[in-house]
């Protein structure tokens, strides 16, 4: 099992996990996470610290996470409405 930073994952690979999992939803998609980072960062610093879990060179889970230093807060999907997304049957 290997952990890989959001920035090292292709959007299509991340979204495949989101779309194929019963845990996934719109606020877990790659594009949403990038948009949240861009919009919030216009107000104050925010870092996308999301990551994926790979097994046998295949993504099996993704974890949307943002770090907001000003609030000393780690939040899933930007505003806390997310969580881990794991492929069904894994």
Protein backbone atom coordinates (compact mmCIF):
# COMPACT_ATOMS: atom_id res chain seq x y z
CA UNK A 1 0.00 0.00 0.00
CA UNK A 2 1.31 3.43 -0.94
CA UNK A 3 0.16 6.97 -0.10
CA UNK A 4 0.40 9.53 -2.90
CA UNK A 5 -0.13 13.30 -2.66
CA UNK A 6 -3.08 14.88 -4.48
CA UNK A 7 -0.69 16.88 -6.65
CA UNK A 8 0.85 13.66 -8.02
CA UNK A 9 -2.49 12.10 -9.06
CA UNK A 10 -4.11 12.65 -12.47
CA UNK A 11 -7.61 14.13 -12.33
CA UNK A 12 -9.10 11.21 -14.28
CA UNK A 13 -7.61 8.66 -11.87
CA UNK A 14 -8.84 10.54 -8.78
CA UNK A 15 -12.32 10.99 -10.24
CA UNK A 16 -12.55 7.32 -11.26
CA UNK A 17 -12.38 6.37 -7.58
CA UNK A 18 -14.95 9.04 -6.68
CA UNK A 19 -17.37 7.99 -9.43
CA UNK A 20 -17.04 4.23 -8.85
CA UNK A 21 -17.40 4.37 -5.07
CA UNK A 22 -20.61 4.55 -3.06
CA UNK A 23 -18.67 6.97 -0.83
CA UNK A 24 -17.98 9.46 -3.63
CA UNK A 25 -19.95 12.59 -4.44
CA UNK A 26 -19.51 15.91 -6.25
CA UNK A 27 -17.61 17.53 -3.36
CA UNK A 28 -14.96 14.81 -3.59
CA UNK A 29 -14.05 15.37 -7.23
CA UNK A 30 -10.64 16.61 -8.32
CA UNK A 31 -12.08 19.73 -9.94
CA UNK A 32 -14.11 20.66 -6.85
CA UNK A 33 -11.05 20.37 -4.61
CA UNK A 34 -8.99 22.55 -6.95
CA UNK A 35 -11.79 25.15 -7.13
CA UNK A 36 -12.12 25.29 -3.34
CA UNK A 37 -8.38 25.79 -2.98
CA UNK A 38 -8.34 28.56 -5.61
CA UNK A 39 -11.36 30.41 -4.24
CA UNK A 40 -10.45 30.19 -0.56
CA UNK A 41 -6.83 31.13 -1.24
CA UNK A 42 -8.01 34.50 -2.57
CA UNK A 43 -9.16 35.24 1.00
CA UNK A 44 -6.47 33.54 3.08
CA UNK A 45 -3.99 30.69 2.73
CA UNK A 46 -5.32 27.19 2.14
CA UNK A 47 -3.35 24.12 1.14
CA UNK A 48 -4.71 21.04 -0.57
CA UNK A 49 -3.21 18.17 1.44
CA UNK A 50 -5.44 15.47 -0.03
CA UNK A 51 -3.95 12.11 -0.83
CA UNK A 52 -4.70 8.80 -2.50
CA UNK A 53 -3.99 5.23 -1.48
CA UNK A 54 -2.65 2.87 -4.11
CA UNK A 55 -2.39 -0.87 -4.06
CA UNK A 56 -0.72 -2.84 -6.87
CA UNK A 57 -0.35 0.39 -8.90
CA UNK A 58 -4.10 1.08 -8.74
CA UNK A 59 -5.88 3.82 -6.79
CA UNK A 60 -8.22 2.23 -4.26
CA UNK A 61 -9.08 5.26 -2.10
CA UNK A 62 -8.83 9.04 -2.04
CA UNK A 63 -8.96 11.43 0.89
CA UNK A 64 -9.95 15.03 0.13
CA UNK A 65 -8.27 17.32 2.70
CA UNK A 66 -7.47 21.00 3.03
CA UNK A 67 -5.30 22.74 5.62
CA UNK A 68 -6.38 26.25 6.61
CA UNK A 69 -3.53 27.70 8.71
CA UNK A 70 -5.43 30.83 9.79
CA UNK A 71 -8.10 28.66 11.43
CA UNK A 72 -5.71 25.86 12.42
CA UNK A 73 -8.17 23.56 10.69
CA UNK A 74 -7.96 20.46 8.54
CA UNK A 75 -11.15 20.09 6.54
CA UNK A 76 -12.41 17.51 4.07
CA UNK A 77 -13.71 18.82 0.73
CA UNK A 78 -12.99 22.39 1.75
CA UNK A 79 -15.82 22.96 4.18
CA UNK A 80 -15.85 19.70 6.08
CA UNK A 81 -18.59 17.95 4.14
CA UNK A 82 -16.48 15.09 2.82
CA UNK A 83 -14.45 12.19 4.02
CA UNK A 84 -12.58 9.18 2.68
CA UNK A 85 -13.72 7.69 -0.62
CA UNK A 86 -12.93 3.98 -0.91
CA UNK A 87 -13.64 1.74 -3.91
CA UNK A 88 -16.53 -0.63 -3.29
CA UNK A 89 -15.34 -4.05 -2.17
CA UNK A 90 -11.94 -2.89 -1.03
